[in-house]
mmCIF file of all heavy atoms, coordinates in Angstrom:
data_MODEL
# 
_entry.id   MODEL 
# 
loop_
_atom_site.group_PDB 
_atom_site.id 
_atom_site.type_symbol 
_atom_site.label_atom_id 
_atom_site.label_alt_id 
_atom_site.label_comp_id 
_atom_site.label_asym_id 
_atom_site.label_entity_id 
_atom_site.label_seq_id 
_atom_site.pdbx_PDB_ins_code 
_atom_site.Cartn_x 
_atom_site.Cartn_y 
_atom_site.Cartn_z 
_atom_site.occupancy 
_atom_site.B_iso_or_equiv 
_atom_site.pdbx_formal_charge 
_atom_site.auth_seq_id 
_atom_site.auth_comp_id 
_atom_site.auth_asym_id 
_atom_site.auth_atom_id 
_atom_site.pdbx_PDB_model_num 
ATOM 1   N N   . ALA A 1 1  ? -43.989 57.133 -68.414  1.00 0.00 ? 1  ALA A N   1 
ATOM 2   C CA  . ALA A 1 1  ? -44.280 57.975 -69.574  1.00 0.00 ? 1  ALA A CA  1 
ATOM 3   C C   . ALA A 1 1  ? -43.703 57.366 -70.849  1.00 0.00 ? 1  ALA A C   1 
ATOM 4   O O   . ALA A 1 1  ? -44.374 57.306 -71.884  1.00 0.00 ? 1  ALA A O   1 
ATOM 5   C CB  . ALA A 1 1  ? -43.727 59.376 -69.354  1.00 0.00 ? 1  ALA A CB  1 
ATOM 6   N N   . VAL A 1 2  ? -42.449 56.893 -70.769  1.00 0.00 ? 2  VAL A N   1 
ATOM 7   C CA  . VAL A 1 2  ? -41.814 56.285 -71.939  1.00 0.00 ? 2  VAL A CA  1 
ATOM 8   C C   . VAL A 1 2  ? -42.545 55.005 -72.347  1.00 0.00 ? 2  VAL A C   1 
ATOM 9   O O   . VAL A 1 2  ? -42.862 54.799 -73.526  1.00 0.00 ? 2  VAL A O   1 
ATOM 10  C CB  . VAL A 1 2  ? -40.324 55.983 -71.653  1.00 0.00 ? 2  VAL A CB  1 
ATOM 11  C CG1 . VAL A 1 2  ? -39.724 55.129 -72.768  1.00 0.00 ? 2  VAL A CG1 1 
ATOM 12  C CG2 . VAL A 1 2  ? -39.539 57.280 -71.511  1.00 0.00 ? 2  VAL A CG2 1 
ATOM 13  N N   . ALA A 1 3  ? -42.846 54.157 -71.357  1.00 0.00 ? 3  ALA A N   1 
ATOM 14  C CA  . ALA A 1 3  ? -43.535 52.897 -71.663  1.00 0.00 ? 3  ALA A CA  1 
ATOM 15  C C   . ALA A 1 3  ? -44.938 53.162 -72.200  1.00 0.00 ? 3  ALA A C   1 
ATOM 16  O O   . ALA A 1 3  ? -45.355 52.587 -73.213  1.00 0.00 ? 3  ALA A O   1 
ATOM 17  C CB  . ALA A 1 3  ? -43.607 52.023 -70.402  1.00 0.00 ? 3  ALA A CB  1 
ATOM 18  N N   . GLY A 1 4  ? -45.668 54.028 -71.513  1.00 0.00 ? 4  GLY A N   1 
ATOM 19  C CA  . GLY A 1 4  ? -47.047 54.301 -71.923  1.00 0.00 ? 4  GLY A CA  1 
ATOM 20  C C   . GLY A 1 4  ? -47.129 54.976 -73.280  1.00 0.00 ? 4  GLY A C   1 
ATOM 21  O O   . GLY A 1 4  ? -47.946 54.599 -74.135  1.00 0.00 ? 4  GLY A O   1 
ATOM 22  N N   . MET A 1 5  ? -46.280 55.981 -73.531  1.00 0.00 ? 5  MET A N   1 
ATOM 23  C CA  . MET A 1 5  ? -46.347 56.711 -74.796  1.00 0.00 ? 5  MET A CA  1 
ATOM 24  C C   . MET A 1 5  ? -45.818 55.887 -75.967  1.00 0.00 ? 5  MET A C   1 
ATOM 25  O O   . MET A 1 5  ? -46.293 56.029 -77.092  1.00 0.00 ? 5  MET A O   1 
ATOM 26  C CB  . MET A 1 5  ? -45.592 58.032 -74.684  1.00 0.00 ? 5  MET A CB  1 
ATOM 27  C CG  . MET A 1 5  ? -46.300 59.044 -73.800  1.00 0.00 ? 5  MET A CG  1 
ATOM 28  S SD  . MET A 1 5  ? -45.508 60.659 -73.819  1.00 0.00 ? 5  MET A SD  1 
ATOM 29  C CE  . MET A 1 5  ? -46.542 61.547 -72.648  1.00 0.00 ? 5  MET A CE  1 
ATOM 30  N N   . THR A 1 6  ? -44.824 55.021 -75.702  1.00 0.00 ? 6  THR A N   1 
ATOM 31  C CA  . THR A 1 6  ? -44.358 54.129 -76.767  1.00 0.00 ? 6  THR A CA  1 
ATOM 32  C C   . THR A 1 6  ? -45.471 53.171 -77.168  1.00 0.00 ? 6  THR A C   1 
ATOM 33  O O   . THR A 1 6  ? -45.721 52.946 -78.361  1.00 0.00 ? 6  THR A O   1 
ATOM 34  C CB  . THR A 1 6  ? -43.126 53.323 -76.309  1.00 0.00 ? 6  THR A CB  1 
ATOM 35  O OG1 . THR A 1 6  ? -42.089 54.232 -75.932  1.00 0.00 ? 6  THR A OG1 1 
ATOM 36  C CG2 . THR A 1 6  ? -42.621 52.430 -77.431  1.00 0.00 ? 6  THR A CG2 1 
ATOM 37  N N   . GLY A 1 7  ? -46.138 52.611 -76.164  1.00 0.00 ? 7  GLY A N   1 
ATOM 38  C CA  . GLY A 1 7  ? -47.279 51.741 -76.460  1.00 0.00 ? 7  GLY A CA  1 
ATOM 39  C C   . GLY A 1 7  ? -48.397 52.484 -77.169  1.00 0.00 ? 7  GLY A C   1 
ATOM 40  O O   . GLY A 1 7  ? -49.006 51.966 -78.115  1.00 0.00 ? 7  GLY A O   1 
ATOM 41  N N   . TYR A 1 8  ? -48.657 53.704 -76.740  1.00 0.00 ? 8  TYR A N   1 
ATOM 42  C CA  . TYR A 1 8  ? -49.712 54.524 -77.353  1.00 0.00 ? 8  TYR A CA  1 
ATOM 43  C C   . TYR A 1 8  ? -49.371 54.839 -78.806  1.00 0.00 ? 8  TYR A C   1 
ATOM 44  O O   . TYR A 1 8  ? -50.240 54.772 -79.690  1.00 0.00 ? 8  TYR A O   1 
ATOM 45  C CB  . TYR A 1 8  ? -49.865 55.817 -76.551  1.00 0.00 ? 8  TYR A CB  1 
ATOM 46  C CG  . TYR A 1 8  ? -50.984 56.723 -77.019  1.00 0.00 ? 8  TYR A CG  1 
ATOM 47  C CD1 . TYR A 1 8  ? -52.305 56.296 -76.991  1.00 0.00 ? 8  TYR A CD1 1 
ATOM 48  C CD2 . TYR A 1 8  ? -50.714 58.009 -77.485  1.00 0.00 ? 8  TYR A CD2 1 
ATOM 49  C CE1 . TYR A 1 8  ? -53.336 57.122 -77.415  1.00 0.00 ? 8  TYR A CE1 1 
ATOM 50  C CE2 . TYR A 1 8  ? -51.734 58.849 -77.896  1.00 0.00 ? 8  TYR A CE2 1 
ATOM 51  C CZ  . TYR A 1 8  ? -53.045 58.398 -77.867  1.00 0.00 ? 8  TYR A CZ  1 
ATOM 52  O OH  . TYR A 1 8  ? -54.064 59.216 -78.296  1.00 0.00 ? 8  TYR A OH  1 
ATOM 53  N N   . LEU A 1 9  ? -48.099 55.169 -79.082  1.00 0.00 ? 9  LEU A N   1 
ATOM 54  C CA  . LEU A 1 9  ? -47.674 55.439 -80.462  1.00 0.00 ? 9  LEU A CA  1 
ATOM 55  C C   . LEU A 1 9  ? -47.901 54.209 -81.340  1.00 0.00 ? 9  LEU A C   1 
ATOM 56  O O   . LEU A 1 9  ? -48.450 54.318 -82.446  1.00 0.00 ? 9  LEU A O   1 
ATOM 57  C CB  . LEU A 1 9  ? -46.193 55.829 -80.487  1.00 0.00 ? 9  LEU A CB  1 
ATOM 58  C CG  . LEU A 1 9  ? -45.567 56.003 -81.873  1.00 0.00 ? 9  LEU A CG  1 
ATOM 59  C CD1 . LEU A 1 9  ? -46.190 57.185 -82.608  1.00 0.00 ? 9  LEU A CD1 1 
ATOM 60  C CD2 . LEU A 1 9  ? -44.047 56.176 -81.776  1.00 0.00 ? 9  LEU A CD2 1 
ATOM 61  N N   . THR A 1 10 ? -47.478 53.047 -80.843  1.00 0.00 ? 10 THR A N   1 
ATOM 62  C CA  . THR A 1 10 ? -47.638 51.807 -81.615  1.00 0.00 ? 10 THR A CA  1 
ATOM 63  C C   . THR A 1 10 ? -49.095 51.527 -81.924  1.00 0.00 ? 10 THR A C   1 
ATOM 64  O O   . THR A 1 10 ? -49.467 51.210 -83.063  1.00 0.00 ? 10 THR A O   1 
ATOM 65  C CB  . THR A 1 10 ? -47.032 50.615 -80.833  1.00 0.00 ? 10 THR A CB  1 
ATOM 66  O OG1 . THR A 1 10 ? -45.668 50.893 -80.522  1.00 0.00 ? 10 THR A OG1 1 
ATOM 67  C CG2 . THR A 1 10 ? -47.115 49.336 -81.651  1.00 0.00 ? 10 THR A CG2 1 
ATOM 68  N N   . SER A 1 11 ? -49.949 51.661 -80.912  1.00 0.00 ? 11 SER A N   1 
ATOM 69  C CA  . SER A 1 11 ? -51.374 51.357 -81.102  1.00 0.00 ? 11 SER A CA  1 
ATOM 70  C C   . SER A 1 11 ? -52.042 52.368 -82.023  1.00 0.00 ? 11 SER A C   1 
ATOM 71  O O   . SER A 1 11 ? -52.871 52.005 -82.870  1.00 0.00 ? 11 SER A O   1 
ATOM 72  C CB  . SER A 1 11 ? -52.095 51.305 -79.759  1.00 0.00 ? 11 SER A CB  1 
ATOM 73  O OG  . SER A 1 11 ? -52.106 52.579 -79.139  1.00 0.00 ? 11 SER A OG  1 
ATOM 74  N N   . GLN A 1 12 ? -51.676 53.648 -81.897  1.00 0.00 ? 12 GLN A N   1 
ATOM 75  C CA  . GLN A 1 12 ? -52.295 54.675 -82.748  1.00 0.00 ? 12 GLN A CA  1 
ATOM 76  C C   . GLN A 1 12 ? -51.871 54.540 -84.210  1.00 0.00 ? 12 GLN A C   1 
ATOM 77  O O   . GLN A 1 12 ? -52.677 54.775 -85.123  1.00 0.00 ? 12 GLN A O   1 
ATOM 78  C CB  . GLN A 1 12 ? -51.945 56.071 -82.232  1.00 0.00 ? 12 GLN A CB  1 
ATOM 79  C CG  . GLN A 1 12 ? -52.634 56.446 -80.920  1.00 0.00 ? 12 GLN A CG  1 
ATOM 80  C CD  . GLN A 1 12 ? -54.146 56.333 -81.009  1.00 0.00 ? 12 GLN A CD  1 
ATOM 81  O OE1 . GLN A 1 12 ? -54.738 55.361 -80.552  1.00 0.00 ? 12 GLN A OE1 1 
ATOM 82  N NE2 . GLN A 1 12 ? -54.780 57.329 -81.626  1.00 0.00 ? 12 GLN A NE2 1 
ATOM 83  N N   . ILE A 1 13 ? -50.624 54.146 -84.442  1.00 0.00 ? 13 ILE A N   1 
ATOM 84  C CA  . ILE A 1 13 ? -50.189 53.898 -85.818  1.00 0.00 ? 13 ILE A CA  1 
ATOM 85  C C   . ILE A 1 13 ? -50.983 52.751 -86.418  1.00 0.00 ? 13 ILE A C   1 
ATOM 86  O O   . ILE A 1 13 ? -51.400 52.794 -87.584  1.00 0.00 ? 13 ILE A O   1 
ATOM 87  C CB  . ILE A 1 13 ? -48.671 53.613 -85.859  1.00 0.00 ? 13 ILE A CB  1 
ATOM 88  C CG1 . ILE A 1 13 ? -47.889 54.890 -85.545  1.00 0.00 ? 13 ILE A CG1 1 
ATOM 89  C CG2 . ILE A 1 13 ? -48.258 53.075 -87.238  1.00 0.00 ? 13 ILE A CG2 1 
ATOM 90  C CD1 . ILE A 1 13 ? -46.382 54.692 -85.468  1.00 0.00 ? 13 ILE A CD1 1 
ATOM 91  N N   . SER A 1 14 ? -51.237 51.703 -85.618  1.00 0.00 ? 14 SER A N   1 
ATOM 92  C CA  . SER A 1 14 ? -52.043 50.573 -86.095  1.00 0.00 ? 14 SER A CA  1 
ATOM 93  C C   . SER A 1 14 ? -53.465 51.015 -86.418  1.00 0.00 ? 14 SER A C   1 
ATOM 94  O O   . SER A 1 14 ? -54.044 50.624 -87.444  1.00 0.00 ? 14 SER A O   1 
ATOM 95  C CB  . SER A 1 14 ? -52.077 49.460 -85.035  1.00 0.00 ? 14 SER A CB  1 
ATOM 96  O OG  . SER A 1 14 ? -50.790 48.964 -84.786  1.00 0.00 ? 14 SER A OG  1 
ATOM 97  N N   . VAL A 1 15 ? -54.036 51.833 -85.545  1.00 0.00 ? 15 VAL A N   1 
ATOM 98  C CA  . VAL A 1 15 ? -55.406 52.330 -85.767  1.00 0.00 ? 15 VAL A CA  1 
ATOM 99  C C   . VAL A 1 15 ? -55.483 53.145 -87.060  1.00 0.00 ? 15 VAL A C   1 
ATOM 100 O O   . VAL A 1 15 ? -56.371 52.946 -87.894  1.00 0.00 ? 15 VAL A O   1 
ATOM 101 C CB  . VAL A 1 15 ? -55.871 53.190 -84.564  1.00 0.00 ? 15 VAL A CB  1 
ATOM 102 C CG1 . VAL A 1 15 ? -57.157 53.948 -84.902  1.00 0.00 ? 15 VAL A CG1 1 
ATOM 103 C CG2 . VAL A 1 15 ? -56.065 52.317 -83.337  1.00 0.00 ? 15 VAL A CG2 1 
ATOM 104 N N   . HIS A 1 16 ? -54.543 54.062 -87.244  1.00 0.00 ? 16 HIS A N   1 
ATOM 105 C CA  . HIS A 1 16 ? -54.560 54.921 -88.432  1.00 0.00 ? 16 HIS A CA  1 
ATOM 106 C C   . HIS A 1 16 ? -54.254 54.131 -89.707  1.00 0.00 ? 16 HIS A C   1 
ATOM 107 O O   . HIS A 1 16 ? -54.745 54.484 -90.782  1.00 0.00 ? 16 HIS A O   1 
ATOM 108 C CB  . HIS A 1 16 ? -53.575 56.079 -88.267  1.00 0.00 ? 16 HIS A CB  1 
ATOM 109 C CG  . HIS A 1 16 ? -53.973 57.072 -87.221  1.00 0.00 ? 16 HIS A CG  1 
ATOM 110 N ND1 . HIS A 1 16 ? -55.194 57.715 -87.235  1.00 0.00 ? 16 HIS A ND1 1 
ATOM 111 C CD2 . HIS A 1 16 ? -53.328 57.517 -86.105  1.00 0.00 ? 16 HIS A CD2 1 
ATOM 112 C CE1 . HIS A 1 16 ? -55.281 58.525 -86.186  1.00 0.00 ? 16 HIS A CE1 1 
ATOM 113 N NE2 . HIS A 1 16 ? -54.168 58.418 -85.488  1.00 0.00 ? 16 HIS A NE2 1 
ATOM 114 N N   . THR A 1 17 ? -53.436 53.079 -89.576  1.00 0.00 ? 17 THR A N   1 
ATOM 115 C CA  . THR A 1 17 ? -53.141 52.234 -90.739  1.00 0.00 ? 17 THR A CA  1 
ATOM 116 C C   . THR A 1 17 ? -54.417 51.554 -91.238  1.00 0.00 ? 17 THR A C   1 
ATOM 117 O O   . THR A 1 17 ? -54.671 51.469 -92.447  1.00 0.00 ? 17 THR A O   1 
ATOM 118 C CB  . THR A 1 17 ? -52.075 51.180 -90.385  1.00 0.00 ? 17 THR A CB  1 
ATOM 119 O OG1 . THR A 1 17 ? -50.875 51.839 -89.980  1.00 0.00 ? 17 THR A OG1 1 
ATOM 120 C CG2 . THR A 1 17 ? -51.777 50.291 -91.587  1.00 0.00 ? 17 THR A CG2 1 
ATOM 121 N N   . LYS A 1 18 ? -55.234 51.068 -90.306  1.00 0.00 ? 18 LYS A N   1 
ATOM 122 C CA  . LYS A 1 18 ? -56.492 50.417 -90.669  1.00 0.00 ? 18 LYS A CA  1 
ATOM 123 C C   . LYS A 1 18 ? -57.472 51.398 -91.289  1.00 0.00 ? 18 LYS A C   1 
ATOM 124 O O   . LYS A 1 18 ? -58.317 51.032 -92.118  1.00 0.00 ? 18 LYS A O   1 
ATOM 125 C CB  . LYS A 1 18 ? -57.125 49.763 -89.434  1.00 0.00 ? 18 LYS A CB  1 
ATOM 126 C CG  . LYS A 1 18 ? -56.322 48.585 -88.888  1.00 0.00 ? 18 LYS A CG  1 
ATOM 127 C CD  . LYS A 1 18 ? -56.926 48.052 -87.591  1.00 0.00 ? 18 LYS A CD  1 
ATOM 128 C CE  . LYS A 1 18 ? -56.065 46.935 -87.020  1.00 0.00 ? 18 LYS A CE  1 
ATOM 129 N NZ  . LYS A 1 18 ? -56.575 46.458 -85.700  1.00 0.00 ? 18 LYS A NZ  1 
ATOM 130 N N   . GLU A 1 19 ? -57.372 52.665 -90.870  1.00 0.00 ? 19 GLU A N   1 
ATOM 131 C CA  . GLU A 1 19 ? -58.288 53.681 -91.388  1.00 0.00 ? 19 GLU A CA  1 
ATOM 132 C C   . GLU A 1 19 ? -57.928 54.143 -92.800  1.00 0.00 ? 19 GLU A C   1 
ATOM 133 O O   . GLU A 1 19 ? -58.769 54.710 -93.506  1.00 0.00 ? 19 GLU A O   1 
ATOM 134 C CB  . GLU A 1 19 ? -58.297 54.903 -90.458  1.00 0.00 ? 19 GLU A CB  1 
ATOM 135 C CG  . GLU A 1 19 ? -58.909 54.614 -89.091  1.00 0.00 ? 19 GLU A CG  1 
ATOM 136 C CD  . GLU A 1 19 ? -58.759 55.780 -88.119  1.00 0.00 ? 19 GLU A CD  1 
ATOM 137 O OE1 . GLU A 1 19 ? -58.036 56.738 -88.463  1.00 0.00 ? 19 GLU A OE1 1 
ATOM 138 O OE2 . GLU A 1 19 ? -59.361 55.720 -87.030  1.00 0.00 ? 19 GLU A OE2 1 
ATOM 139 N N   . LEU A 1 20 ? -56.671 53.907 -93.200  1.00 0.00 ? 20 LEU A N   1 
ATOM 140 C CA  . LEU A 1 20 ? -56.237 54.350 -94.528  1.00 0.00 ? 20 LEU A CA  1 
ATOM 141 C C   . LEU A 1 20 ? -56.962 53.570 -95.622  1.00 0.00 ? 20 LEU A C   1 
ATOM 142 O O   . LEU A 1 20 ? -57.185 52.361 -95.505  1.00 0.00 ? 20 LEU A O   1 
ATOM 143 C CB  . LEU A 1 20 ? -54.725 54.137 -94.693  1.00 0.00 ? 20 LEU A CB  1 
ATOM 144 C CG  . LEU A 1 20 ? -53.798 55.146 -94.023  1.00 0.00 ? 20 LEU A CG  1 
ATOM 145 C CD1 . LEU A 1 20 ? -52.352 54.713 -94.199  1.00 0.00 ? 20 LEU A CD1 1 
ATOM 146 C CD2 . LEU A 1 20 ? -54.006 56.537 -94.598  1.00 0.00 ? 20 LEU A CD2 1 
ATOM 147 N N   . THR A 1 21 ? -57.303 54.259 -96.673  1.00 0.00 ? 21 THR A N   1 
ATOM 148 C CA  . THR A 1 21 ? -57.883 53.563 -97.821  1.00 0.00 ? 21 THR A CA  1 
ATOM 149 C C   . THR A 1 21 ? -56.788 52.809 -98.544  1.00 0.00 ? 21 THR A C   1 
ATOM 150 O O   . THR A 1 21 ? -55.599 53.094 -98.401  1.00 0.00 ? 21 THR A O   1 
ATOM 151 C CB  . THR A 1 21 ? -58.526 54.577 -98.788  1.00 0.00 ? 21 THR A CB  1 
ATOM 152 O OG1 . THR A 1 21 ? -57.531 55.530 -99.174  1.00 0.00 ? 21 THR A OG1 1 
ATOM 153 C CG2 . THR A 1 21 ? -59.686 55.285 -98.125  1.00 0.00 ? 21 THR A CG2 1 
ATOM 154 N N   . GLU A 1 22 ? -57.157 51.854 -99.342  1.00 0.00 ? 22 GLU A N   1 
ATOM 155 C CA  . GLU A 1 22 ? -56.185 51.041 -100.065 1.00 0.00 ? 22 GLU A CA  1 
ATOM 156 C C   . GLU A 1 22 ? -55.336 51.941 -100.966 1.00 0.00 ? 22 GLU A C   1 
ATOM 157 O O   . GLU A 1 22 ? -55.846 52.774 -101.703 1.00 0.00 ? 22 GLU A O   1 
ATOM 158 C CB  . GLU A 1 22 ? -56.916 49.995 -100.914 1.00 0.00 ? 22 GLU A CB  1 
ATOM 159 C CG  . GLU A 1 22 ? -55.961 48.977 -101.525 1.00 0.00 ? 22 GLU A CG  1 
ATOM 160 C CD  . GLU A 1 22 ? -56.725 47.863 -102.248 1.00 0.00 ? 22 GLU A CD  1 
ATOM 161 O OE1 . GLU A 1 22 ? -57.928 47.711 -101.978 1.00 0.00 ? 22 GLU A OE1 1 
ATOM 162 O OE2 . GLU A 1 22 ? -56.103 47.194 -103.068 1.00 0.00 ? 22 GLU A OE2 1 
ATOM 163 N N   . GLY A 1 23 ? -54.033 51.725 -100.911 1.00 0.00 ? 23 GLY A N   1 
ATOM 164 C CA  . GLY A 1 23 ? -53.133 52.532 -101.717 1.00 0.00 ? 23 GLY A CA  1 
ATOM 165 C C   . GLY A 1 23 ? -52.685 53.807 -101.026 1.00 0.00 ? 23 GLY A C   1 
ATOM 166 O O   . GLY A 1 23 ? -51.948 54.601 -101.598 1.00 0.00 ? 23 GLY A O   1 
ATOM 167 N N   . GLY A 1 24 ? -53.135 54.025 -99.774  1.00 0.00 ? 24 GLY A N   1 
ATOM 168 C CA  . GLY A 1 24 ? -52.732 55.209 -99.037  1.00 0.00 ? 24 GLY A CA  1 
ATOM 169 C C   . GLY A 1 24 ? -51.273 55.133 -98.612  1.00 0.00 ? 24 GLY A C   1 
ATOM 170 O O   . GLY A 1 24 ? -50.669 54.063 -98.569  1.00 0.00 ? 24 GLY A O   1 
ATOM 171 N N   . ASN A 1 25 ? -50.708 56.282 -98.291  1.00 0.00 ? 25 ASN A N   1 
ATOM 172 C CA  . ASN A 1 25 ? -49.309 56.346 -97.883  1.00 0.00 ? 25 ASN A CA  1 
ATOM 173 C C   . ASN A 1 25 ? -49.165 55.863 -96.442  1.00 0.00 ? 25 ASN A C   1 
ATOM 174 O O   . ASN A 1 25 ? -49.725 56.480 -95.524  1.00 0.00 ? 25 ASN A O   1 
ATOM 175 C CB  . ASN A 1 25 ? -48.815 57.792 -98.024  1.00 0.00 ? 25 ASN A CB  1 
ATOM 176 C CG  . ASN A 1 25 ? -47.336 57.918 -97.695  1.00 0.00 ? 25 ASN A CG  1 
ATOM 177 O OD1 . ASN A 1 25 ? -46.670 56.940 -97.356  1.00 0.00 ? 25 ASN A OD1 1 
ATOM 178 N ND2 . ASN A 1 25 ? -46.817 59.135 -97.803  1.00 0.00 ? 25 ASN A ND2 1 
ATOM 179 N N   . PRO A 1 26 ? -48.417 54.761 -96.204  1.00 0.00 ? 26 PRO A N   1 
ATOM 180 C CA  . PRO A 1 26 ? -48.268 54.262 -94.827  1.00 0.00 ? 26 PRO A CA  1 
ATOM 181 C C   . PRO A 1 26 ? -47.572 55.271 -93.916  1.00 0.00 ? 26 PRO A C   1 
ATOM 182 O O   . PRO A 1 26 ? -47.763 55.244 -92.703  1.00 0.00 ? 26 PRO A O   1 
ATOM 183 C CB  . PRO A 1 26 ? -47.421 52.992 -94.995  1.00 0.00 ? 26 PRO A CB  1 
ATOM 184 C CG  . PRO A 1 26 ? -46.783 53.116 -96.340  1.00 0.00 ? 26 PRO A CG  1 
ATOM 185 C CD  . PRO A 1 26 ? -47.719 53.913 -97.176  1.00 0.00 ? 26 PRO A CD  1 
ATOM 186 N N   . LEU A 1 27 ? -46.750 56.167 -94.494  1.00 0.00 ? 27 LEU A N   1 
ATOM 187 C CA  . LEU A 1 27 ? -46.108 57.198 -93.681  1.00 0.00 ? 27 LEU A CA  1 
ATOM 188 C C   . LEU A 1 27 ? -47.143 58.119 -93.041  1.00 0.00 ? 27 LEU A C   1 
ATOM 189 O O   . LEU A 1 27 ? -46.937 58.637 -91.944  1.00 0.00 ? 27 LEU A O   1 
ATOM 190 C CB  . LEU A 1 27 ? -45.152 58.041 -94.533  1.00 0.00 ? 27 LEU A CB  1 
ATOM 191 C CG  . LEU A 1 27 ? -43.720 57.533 -94.712  1.00 0.00 ? 27 LEU A CG  1 
ATOM 192 C CD1 . LEU A 1 27 ? -42.919 58.519 -95.530  1.00 0.00 ? 27 LEU A CD1 1 
ATOM 193 C CD2 . LEU A 1 27 ? -43.056 57.270 -93.373  1.00 0.00 ? 27 LEU A CD2 1 
ATOM 194 N N   . ALA A 1 28 ? -48.257 58.299 -93.747  1.00 0.00 ? 28 ALA A N   1 
ATOM 195 C CA  . ALA A 1 28 ? -49.311 59.168 -93.216  1.00 0.00 ? 28 ALA A CA  1 
ATOM 196 C C   . ALA A 1 28 ? -49.855 58.627 -91.904  1.00 0.00 ? 28 ALA A C   1 
ATOM 197 O O   . ALA A 1 28 ? -50.126 59.387 -90.964  1.00 0.00 ? 28 ALA A O   1 
ATOM 198 C CB  . ALA A 1 28 ? -50.429 59.313 -94.242  1.00 0.00 ? 28 ALA A CB  1 
# 
């Protein structure tokens, strides 16, 4: 669970970062 969810968090943050428009808040 720890390994899988840590990996899932990392990948989902990357996915959402790419979806952000230029100038968007990286915290979002």
